[in-house]
Protein backbone atom coordinates (compact mmCIF):
# COMPACT_ATOMS: atom_id res chain seq x y z
CA MET A 1 -12.50 86.16 -32.52
CA LYS A 2 -13.89 83.04 -34.20
CA ASP A 3 -17.23 81.29 -33.76
CA ILE A 4 -16.69 77.66 -34.75
CA LYS A 5 -17.93 74.12 -34.39
CA ALA A 6 -15.08 72.35 -32.64
CA LYS A 7 -14.69 68.58 -32.52
CA ILE A 8 -14.22 67.07 -29.07
CA LEU A 9 -10.99 65.06 -29.12
CA PHE A 10 -11.31 63.93 -25.51
CA ASN A 11 -13.27 64.83 -22.39
CA GLU A 12 -11.82 63.14 -19.34
CA GLU A 13 -12.22 63.35 -15.58
CA ILE A 14 -8.83 64.14 -14.02
CA GLY A 15 -9.94 64.45 -10.42
CA LEU A 16 -12.98 64.68 -8.21
CA SER A 17 -15.38 66.90 -10.25
CA TYR A 18 -12.50 68.19 -12.43
CA PHE A 19 -12.42 67.57 -16.18
CA LYS A 20 -10.11 68.31 -19.10
CA MET A 21 -11.44 68.65 -22.64
CA GLU A 22 -9.46 68.96 -25.87
CA LEU A 23 -11.12 70.62 -28.85
CA ARG A 24 -9.93 70.65 -32.43
CA ALA A 25 -10.00 74.38 -33.13
CA PRO A 26 -7.06 75.53 -35.27
CA GLU A 27 -8.72 78.88 -35.95
CA ILE A 28 -8.55 79.63 -32.22
CA ALA A 29 -5.35 77.75 -31.37
CA GLN A 30 -3.29 79.72 -33.88
CA ILE A 31 -4.09 83.12 -32.34
CA ALA A 32 -4.81 82.41 -28.67
CA GLN A 33 -2.58 83.95 -25.99
CA PRO A 34 -2.18 82.91 -22.34
CA GLY A 35 -4.88 84.44 -20.18
CA GLN A 36 -7.50 84.61 -22.93
CA PHE A 37 -10.67 82.54 -22.77
CA VAL A 38 -13.37 80.94 -24.88
CA GLN A 39 -17.16 80.87 -24.53
CA VAL A 40 -18.56 77.35 -24.91
CA ARG A 41 -22.16 76.35 -25.59
CA CYS A 42 -22.62 73.26 -23.44
CA THR A 43 -25.33 71.72 -25.64
CA ASN A 44 -26.45 71.96 -29.26
CA THR A 45 -29.67 73.61 -28.10
CA LEU A 46 -30.49 76.88 -26.35
CA ASP A 47 -30.93 75.14 -23.00
CA PRO A 48 -29.02 76.30 -21.05
CA LEU A 49 -29.21 79.62 -22.86
CA LEU A 50 -25.87 81.15 -21.87
CA ARG A 51 -22.45 79.95 -22.93
CA ARG A 52 -19.88 79.18 -20.26
CA PRO A 53 -16.45 80.88 -20.14
CA PHE A 54 -13.27 78.80 -19.85
CA SER A 55 -9.63 79.83 -19.92
CA VAL A 56 -7.48 78.48 -22.72
CA HIS A 57 -5.65 75.89 -20.67
CA ARG A 58 -3.20 74.71 -23.34
CA VAL A 59 -2.61 74.90 -27.08
CA ARG A 60 -1.58 71.75 -28.91
CA SER A 61 0.52 72.14 -32.09
CA LEU A 62 -1.59 75.17 -33.07
CA GLN A 63 -4.39 72.76 -33.99
CA SER A 64 -6.33 72.22 -30.79
CA ILE A 65 -7.00 73.82 -27.43
CA GLU A 66 -7.62 72.36 -24.01
CA ILE A 67 -9.97 73.66 -21.35
CA LEU A 68 -9.89 72.68 -17.70
CA TYR A 69 -13.14 72.88 -15.76
CA GLU A 70 -14.90 71.91 -12.57
CA ILE A 71 -18.49 70.74 -12.31
CA VAL A 72 -20.14 73.59 -10.41
CA GLY A 73 -23.61 73.78 -11.95
CA ARG A 74 -25.96 72.56 -14.63
CA GLY A 75 -23.91 73.80 -17.58
CA THR A 76 -20.66 72.13 -16.56
CA GLU A 77 -22.55 69.00 -15.51
CA ILE A 78 -23.90 68.75 -19.06
CA LEU A 79 -20.47 69.51 -20.52
CA ALA A 80 -18.92 66.64 -18.57
CA LYS A 81 -21.25 64.22 -20.38
CA ARG A 82 -20.24 65.31 -23.87
CA LYS A 83 -18.48 62.56 -25.84
CA GLU A 84 -15.37 62.28 -28.00
CA GLY A 85 -16.23 62.92 -31.63
CA GLU A 86 -19.14 65.27 -30.90
CA PHE A 87 -19.06 68.87 -32.08
CA ILE A 88 -19.50 71.83 -29.79
CA ASP A 89 -19.94 75.55 -30.43
CA VAL A 90 -16.95 77.63 -29.30
CA LEU A 91 -16.42 81.41 -29.48
CA GLY A 92 -12.92 82.84 -29.02
CA PRO A 93 -10.28 83.65 -28.20
CA LEU A 94 -11.70 86.46 -26.10
CA GLY A 95 -10.36 89.08 -23.72
CA ASN A 96 -6.87 90.33 -23.00
CA GLY A 97 -4.31 87.94 -21.61
CA PHE A 98 -1.06 88.18 -19.69
CA THR A 99 1.63 90.60 -20.80
CA ILE A 100 4.74 88.54 -21.43
CA PRO A 101 8.12 90.27 -21.84
CA SER A 102 9.91 89.54 -25.10
CA GLU A 103 12.97 88.65 -23.08
CA VAL A 104 12.81 86.95 -19.67
CA GLU A 105 16.56 86.87 -19.09
CA GLY A 106 17.28 88.08 -15.58
CA ARG A 107 13.65 87.72 -14.45
CA THR A 108 12.04 85.22 -12.11
CA PRO A 109 8.39 84.57 -12.99
CA ILE A 110 6.24 83.31 -10.12
CA LEU A 111 2.91 81.78 -11.14
CA ILE A 112 0.34 81.53 -8.34
CA ALA A 113 -2.86 79.51 -8.64
CA GLY A 114 -5.79 79.02 -6.32
CA GLY A 115 -7.88 75.95 -7.13
CA ILE A 116 -9.26 75.98 -10.69
CA GLY A 117 -7.38 79.27 -11.14
CA VAL A 118 -4.56 77.07 -12.39
CA ALA A 119 -6.40 76.77 -15.72
CA PRO A 120 -4.67 79.61 -17.67
CA LEU A 121 -1.27 79.21 -16.02
CA VAL A 122 -0.10 76.04 -17.76
CA PHE A 123 -0.38 77.78 -21.14
CA LEU A 124 1.47 80.77 -19.66
CA ALA A 125 4.27 78.58 -18.26
CA GLU A 126 4.73 76.91 -21.63
CA LYS A 127 4.97 80.30 -23.34
CA LEU A 128 7.52 81.52 -20.79
CA ARG A 129 9.59 78.40 -21.40
CA GLU A 130 9.53 79.02 -25.16
CA ILE A 131 11.08 82.50 -24.88
CA ARG A 132 13.74 81.53 -22.38
CA ASN A 133 17.35 81.42 -23.48
CA PRO A 134 18.35 77.71 -23.32
CA LYS A 135 21.51 78.73 -21.46
CA SER A 136 19.57 80.82 -18.95
CA LYS A 137 19.41 79.73 -15.33
CA ILE A 138 16.12 81.54 -14.77
CA GLN A 139 13.64 79.30 -13.04
CA ILE A 140 9.87 79.41 -13.40
CA ILE A 141 8.38 79.10 -9.91
CA VAL A 142 4.82 77.81 -9.49
CA LEU A 143 2.75 77.98 -6.32
CA LEU A 144 -0.35 75.78 -6.27
CA GLY A 145 -3.03 76.33 -3.66
CA ALA A 146 -5.82 73.83 -2.99
CA LYS A 147 -8.23 72.85 -0.24
CA THR A 148 -6.86 69.30 0.07
CA LYS A 149 -4.24 67.12 -1.60
CA GLU A 150 -6.98 65.51 -3.72
CA SER A 151 -7.78 68.86 -5.38
CA ILE A 152 -4.24 69.76 -6.46
CA LEU A 153 -4.25 70.30 -10.22
CA CYS A 154 -1.59 70.26 -12.96
CA GLU A 155 1.43 69.60 -10.74
CA LYS A 156 2.89 67.12 -13.25
CA ASP A 157 2.30 69.50 -16.17
CA PHE A 158 4.40 72.21 -14.54
CA LYS A 159 7.16 69.81 -13.49
CA LYS A 160 7.30 68.40 -17.00
CA ILE A 161 8.39 71.79 -18.35
CA GLY A 162 10.99 72.17 -15.63
CA ALA A 163 9.18 74.52 -13.26
CA GLU A 164 9.92 74.58 -9.54
CA VAL A 165 6.60 73.67 -7.92
CA HIS A 166 5.48 74.43 -4.37
CA ILE A 167 2.15 73.36 -2.89
CA ALA A 168 -0.09 74.73 -0.16
CA THR A 169 -3.23 73.01 1.14
CA ASP A 170 -5.79 74.53 3.47
CA ASP A 171 -5.97 71.36 5.56
CA GLY A 172 -2.24 70.59 5.53
CA THR A 173 -2.59 67.23 3.79
CA ARG A 174 0.12 68.19 1.28
CA GLY A 175 2.88 70.78 1.26
CA TYR A 176 2.56 73.99 3.24
CA ASN A 177 -0.28 73.98 5.77
CA GLY A 178 -2.17 77.17 4.97
CA PHE A 179 -3.14 79.53 2.19
CA VAL A 180 -1.05 79.91 -0.94
CA SER A 181 -0.69 83.64 -0.18
CA GLU A 182 1.15 82.72 3.03
CA LEU A 183 3.37 80.35 1.07
CA PHE A 184 4.05 83.23 -1.34
CA LYS A 185 5.48 85.31 1.54
CA ARG A 186 7.78 82.44 2.48
CA ILE A 187 9.00 81.98 -1.08
CA LEU A 188 9.82 85.68 -1.39
CA ARG A 189 12.09 85.46 1.65
CA THR A 190 14.18 82.78 -0.06
CA THR A 191 14.12 83.99 -3.68
CA HIS A 192 17.13 86.00 -4.84
CA HIS A 193 16.94 89.14 -6.99
CA ALA A 194 13.47 89.99 -5.71
CA SER A 195 13.31 93.21 -7.72
CA ARG A 196 13.30 91.15 -10.93
CA ILE A 197 10.34 89.00 -9.95
CA THR A 198 7.13 89.14 -11.96
CA ILE A 199 3.94 87.74 -10.46
CA TYR A 200 1.16 86.08 -12.48
CA ALA A 201 -1.85 84.97 -10.44
CA CYS A 202 -5.30 83.49 -10.95
CA GLY A 203 -7.77 82.36 -8.33
CA PRO A 204 -10.58 83.51 -6.05
CA HIS A 205 -10.95 87.20 -5.20
CA PRO A 206 -9.66 87.01 -1.58
CA MET A 207 -6.51 85.22 -2.74
CA LEU A 208 -5.84 87.72 -5.51
CA ARG A 209 -6.34 90.62 -3.09
CA GLU A 210 -3.73 89.15 -0.74
CA ILE A 211 -1.26 88.50 -3.56
CA ALA A 212 -1.79 92.05 -4.86
CA GLU A 213 -1.15 93.56 -1.42
CA ILE A 214 2.02 91.55 -0.89
CA SER A 215 3.30 92.43 -4.36
CA LYS A 216 2.63 96.13 -3.80
CA GLU A 217 4.40 96.04 -0.46
CA LYS A 218 7.44 94.40 -2.11
CA ASN A 219 7.24 96.67 -5.19
CA LEU A 220 6.79 93.71 -7.54
CA ASP A 221 5.07 93.68 -10.92
CA CYS A 222 1.88 91.66 -10.55
CA GLN A 223 -0.74 90.63 -13.09
CA VAL A 224 -3.96 88.96 -11.96
CA SER A 225 -6.60 87.05 -13.91
CA VAL A 226 -9.93 87.73 -12.22
CA GLU A 227 -12.69 85.16 -11.85
CA GLU A 228 -15.77 87.24 -12.65
CA LYS A 229 -19.07 85.89 -13.98
CA MET A 230 -19.05 86.52 -17.73
CA ALA A 231 -22.39 85.90 -19.40
CA CYS A 232 -21.84 87.18 -22.93
CA GLY A 233 -18.02 87.32 -23.08
CA ILE A 234 -17.95 90.25 -25.50
CA GLY A 235 -18.82 93.29 -23.37
CA THR A 236 -22.51 93.53 -24.18
CA CYS A 237 -24.27 92.46 -20.97
CA LEU A 238 -22.04 94.55 -18.63
CA GLY A 239 -22.28 91.82 -16.01
CA CYS A 240 -18.58 91.46 -15.25
CA ALA A 241 -17.66 94.97 -14.11
CA VAL A 242 -14.37 95.43 -12.27
CA LYS A 243 -13.73 98.59 -10.23
CA VAL A 244 -10.40 100.14 -11.19
CA ILE A 245 -8.47 103.33 -10.57
CA ARG A 246 -8.84 105.94 -13.29
CA ARG A 247 -5.57 107.07 -14.82
CA GLY A 248 -4.23 109.77 -12.53
CA GLY A 249 -5.44 107.93 -9.43
CA GLU A 250 -8.04 110.39 -8.15
CA GLU A 251 -11.25 108.66 -9.27
CA PHE A 252 -12.45 105.20 -10.15
CA ILE A 253 -14.15 103.73 -13.19
CA TYR A 254 -15.48 100.32 -14.15
CA LYS A 255 -13.88 98.05 -16.72
CA LEU A 256 -15.20 94.75 -18.03
CA ALA A 257 -13.43 91.50 -17.21
CA CYS A 258 -14.45 89.95 -20.53
CA LYS A 259 -13.30 92.83 -22.71
CA ASP A 260 -10.63 94.76 -20.79
CA GLY A 261 -9.44 91.69 -18.88
CA PRO A 262 -9.66 89.11 -17.55
CA VAL A 263 -6.03 89.97 -16.84
CA PHE A 264 -5.35 93.27 -15.09
CA ASP A 265 -2.39 94.96 -13.46
CA ALA A 266 -2.98 94.22 -9.79
CA GLU A 267 -2.40 97.86 -8.77
CA GLU A 268 -5.12 98.99 -11.15
CA ILE A 269 -7.88 97.13 -9.31
CA ILE A 270 -9.71 98.60 -6.33
CA TRP A 271 -9.90 95.60 -4.00
CA ASP A 272 -13.16 96.11 -2.10
């Protein structure tokens, strides 16, 4: 974990209320793993007091990181006004990320995103591509869920690395008309070698619960990145508790999204 002053290389609006920021942060870029996050101080003052958590969206040449964010409150509204060349306080990388097999030969990874939940999955897809055998026919499948066609994020990024991309919109303006969890069921019916599928998902709680239930029913490995509110990011405030099954399965305990997650085995979580 590093606490650094990172230079803003760009901060651009990529869609309605969605922004992408690149930060020169080699100390973080060189050790970050997909699924981990950073805590960003939106201003150079203590107002607002709390940092904001953002997934590591991409790593560029081990010198910089990208974050993808949506304006949802005062902190992100301030962040969207920060300019290229300014310096910003960044703490990270934090948390535990996705578990990636050392060899993906014979596996079909399916990445499922709901809205801004796409943020950590581009970095994951790029890592999966890196460890693939060039002669392998294994395809990375990506399912993107959004409310409307205007809020679809990162489609071109996934296609650029050769992923097979499917889209679901709540209003039917693009792709499958319905939730991405329903699209997931359809994809499973047409994907061969289902027992070798690994699911990686990030998005709102109801979506993750549905994906977890489907994966359990199909006996598929499933990892989920939860979207909990993380105030401190280092396990001090205890504000991001996640209810999980204690080893042995008879009782439950609480783990912290910021410290034990944000990525969990889907079967470990008690989905209230």
